[in-house]
Amino acid sequence: MTKVMNEAMSLPADARICLVEKLLSSLNIPTSTEIDHLWAEEAERRVQGIDNGTVKLIPGEEVFRKIRTKYNR
């Protein structure tokens, strides 16, 4: 492992960046772009739920009252 690390560290900066990108993509972790896309889809789903009446809306005052009650012992 040390040999691989030393060899990687001796690469030029652009090659190290490329290596890092390839290593990260091999982990199958969602990228920022993918996360943004998923959040946009979720927001659209929630808006549709509100528009078609399948979502029960709770007034903000009620939400904050419950939070205060829960955490202000």
C-alpha atoms as a PDB file:
ATOM      1  CA  MET A   1       0.000   0.000   0.000  1.00  0.00           C
ATOM      2  CA  THR A   2       2.842   2.408   0.830  1.00  0.00           C
ATOM      3  CA  LYS A   3       4.404   1.810  -2.585  1.00  0.00           C
ATOM      4  CA  VAL A   4       1.128   2.651  -4.341  1.00  0.00           C
ATOM      5  CA  MET A   5       0.689   5.791  -2.220  1.00  0.00           C
ATOM      6  CA  ASN A   6       4.244   6.955  -2.929  1.00  0.00           C
ATOM      7  CA  GLU A   7       3.811   6.372  -6.644  1.00  0.00           C
ATOM      8  CA  ALA A   8       0.477   8.202  -6.650  1.00  0.00           C
ATOM      9  CA  MET A   9       1.965  11.152  -4.762  1.00  0.00           C
ATOM     10  CA  SER A  10       4.768  11.425  -7.319  1.00  0.00           C
ATOM     11  CA  LEU A  11       2.280  11.967 -10.162  1.00  0.00           C
ATOM     12  CA  PRO A  12       1.661  15.470 -11.521  1.00  0.00           C
ATOM     13  CA  ALA A  13      -1.313  17.289  -9.959  1.00  0.00           C
ATOM     14  CA  ASP A  14      -3.635  16.750 -12.943  1.00  0.00           C
ATOM     15  CA  ALA A  15      -2.918  13.010 -12.954  1.00  0.00           C
ATOM     16  CA  ARG A  16      -3.577  12.832  -9.182  1.00  0.00           C
ATOM     17  CA  ILE A  17      -6.892  14.635  -9.682  1.00  0.00           C
ATOM     18  CA  CYS A  18      -7.853  12.152 -12.386  1.00  0.00           C
ATOM     19  CA  LEU A  19      -6.852   9.261 -10.117  1.00  0.00           C
ATOM     20  CA  VAL A  20      -8.891  10.643  -7.219  1.00  0.00           C
ATOM     21  CA  GLU A  21     -11.942  11.072  -9.453  1.00  0.00           C
ATOM     22  CA  LYS A  22     -11.648   7.505 -10.701  1.00  0.00           C
ATOM     23  CA  LEU A  23     -11.194   6.131  -7.187  1.00  0.00           C
ATOM     24  CA  LEU A  24     -14.186   8.065  -5.871  1.00  0.00           C
ATOM     25  CA  SER A  25     -16.402   6.993  -8.761  1.00  0.00           C
ATOM     26  CA  SER A  26     -15.434   3.373  -8.084  1.00  0.00           C
ATOM     27  CA  LEU A  27     -17.037   3.702  -4.629  1.00  0.00           C
ATOM     28  CA  ASN A  28     -20.437   4.364  -6.233  1.00  0.00           C
ATOM     29  CA  ILE A  29     -20.996   7.382  -3.986  1.00  0.00           C
ATOM     30  CA  PRO A  30     -23.492   9.818  -5.500  1.00  0.00           C
ATOM     31  CA  THR A  31     -21.868  12.955  -6.872  1.00  0.00           C
ATOM     32  CA  SER A  32     -23.025  16.448  -5.982  1.00  0.00           C
ATOM     33  CA  THR A  33     -24.786  16.657  -9.357  1.00  0.00           C
ATOM     34  CA  GLU A  34     -26.596  13.374  -8.719  1.00  0.00           C
ATOM     35  CA  ILE A  35     -27.584  14.498  -5.226  1.00  0.00           C
ATOM     36  CA  ASP A  36     -28.887  17.813  -6.602  1.00  0.00           C
ATOM     37  CA  HIS A  37     -30.912  15.901  -9.201  1.00  0.00           C
ATOM     38  CA  LEU A  38     -32.381  13.588  -6.546  1.00  0.00           C
ATOM     39  CA  TRP A  39     -33.343  16.555  -4.349  1.00  0.00           C
ATOM     40  CA  ALA A  40     -34.987  18.273  -7.333  1.00  0.00           C
ATOM     41  CA  GLU A  41     -37.017  15.123  -8.003  1.00  0.00           C
ATOM     42  CA  GLU A  42     -38.018  14.951  -4.331  1.00  0.00           C
ATOM     43  CA  ALA A  43     -39.080  18.605  -4.338  1.00  0.00           C
ATOM     44  CA  GLU A  44     -41.199  18.012  -7.449  1.00  0.00           C
ATOM     45  CA  ARG A  45     -42.780  14.937  -5.833  1.00  0.00           C
ATOM     46  CA  ARG A  46     -43.654  16.973  -2.733  1.00  0.00           C
ATOM     47  CA  VAL A  47     -45.107  19.834  -4.785  1.00  0.00           C
ATOM     48  CA  GLN A  48     -47.258  17.347  -6.716  1.00  0.00           C
ATOM     49  CA  GLY A  49     -48.460  15.871  -3.423  1.00  0.00           C
ATOM     50  CA  ILE A  50     -49.477  19.318  -2.218  1.00  0.00           C
ATOM     51  CA  ASP A  51     -51.113  20.208  -5.536  1.00  0.00           C
ATOM     52  CA  ASN A  52     -53.185  17.022  -5.729  1.00  0.00           C
ATOM     53  CA  GLY A  53     -54.097  17.058  -2.026  1.00  0.00           C
ATOM     54  CA  THR A  54     -52.457  13.765  -1.040  1.00  0.00           C
ATOM     55  CA  VAL A  55     -50.159  15.471   1.467  1.00  0.00           C
ATOM     56  CA  LYS A  56     -51.400  16.825   4.789  1.00  0.00           C
ATOM     57  CA  LEU A  57     -49.855  20.226   5.413  1.00  0.00           C
ATOM     58  CA  ILE A  58     -49.027  21.260   8.977  1.00  0.00           C
ATOM     59  CA  PRO A  59     -48.874  24.962   9.806  1.00  0.00           C
ATOM     60  CA  GLY A  60     -45.386  26.157  10.723  1.00  0.00           C
ATOM     61  CA  GLU A  61     -46.606  27.512  14.074  1.00  0.00           C
ATOM     62  CA  GLU A  62     -47.783  24.021  15.049  1.00  0.00           C
ATOM     63  CA  VAL A  63     -44.486  22.443  13.984  1.00  0.00           C
ATOM     64  CA  PHE A  64     -42.442  24.931  16.028  1.00  0.00           C
ATOM     65  CA  ARG A  65     -44.770  24.525  19.037  1.00  0.00           C
ATOM     66  CA  LYS A  66     -44.203  20.755  18.972  1.00  0.00           C
ATOM     67  CA  ILE A  67     -40.436  21.250  18.684  1.00  0.00           C
ATOM     68  CA  ARG A  68     -40.401  23.696  21.608  1.00  0.00           C
ATOM     69  CA  THR A  69     -42.515  21.312  23.697  1.00  0.00           C
ATOM     70  CA  LYS A  70     -40.244  18.378  22.878  1.00  0.00           C
ATOM     71  CA  TYR A  71     -36.931  20.122  23.581  1.00  0.00           C
ATOM     72  CA  ASN A  72     -37.844  22.646  26.299  1.00  0.00           C
ATOM     73  CA  ARG A  73     -38.326  20.253  29.154  1.00  0.00           C
END
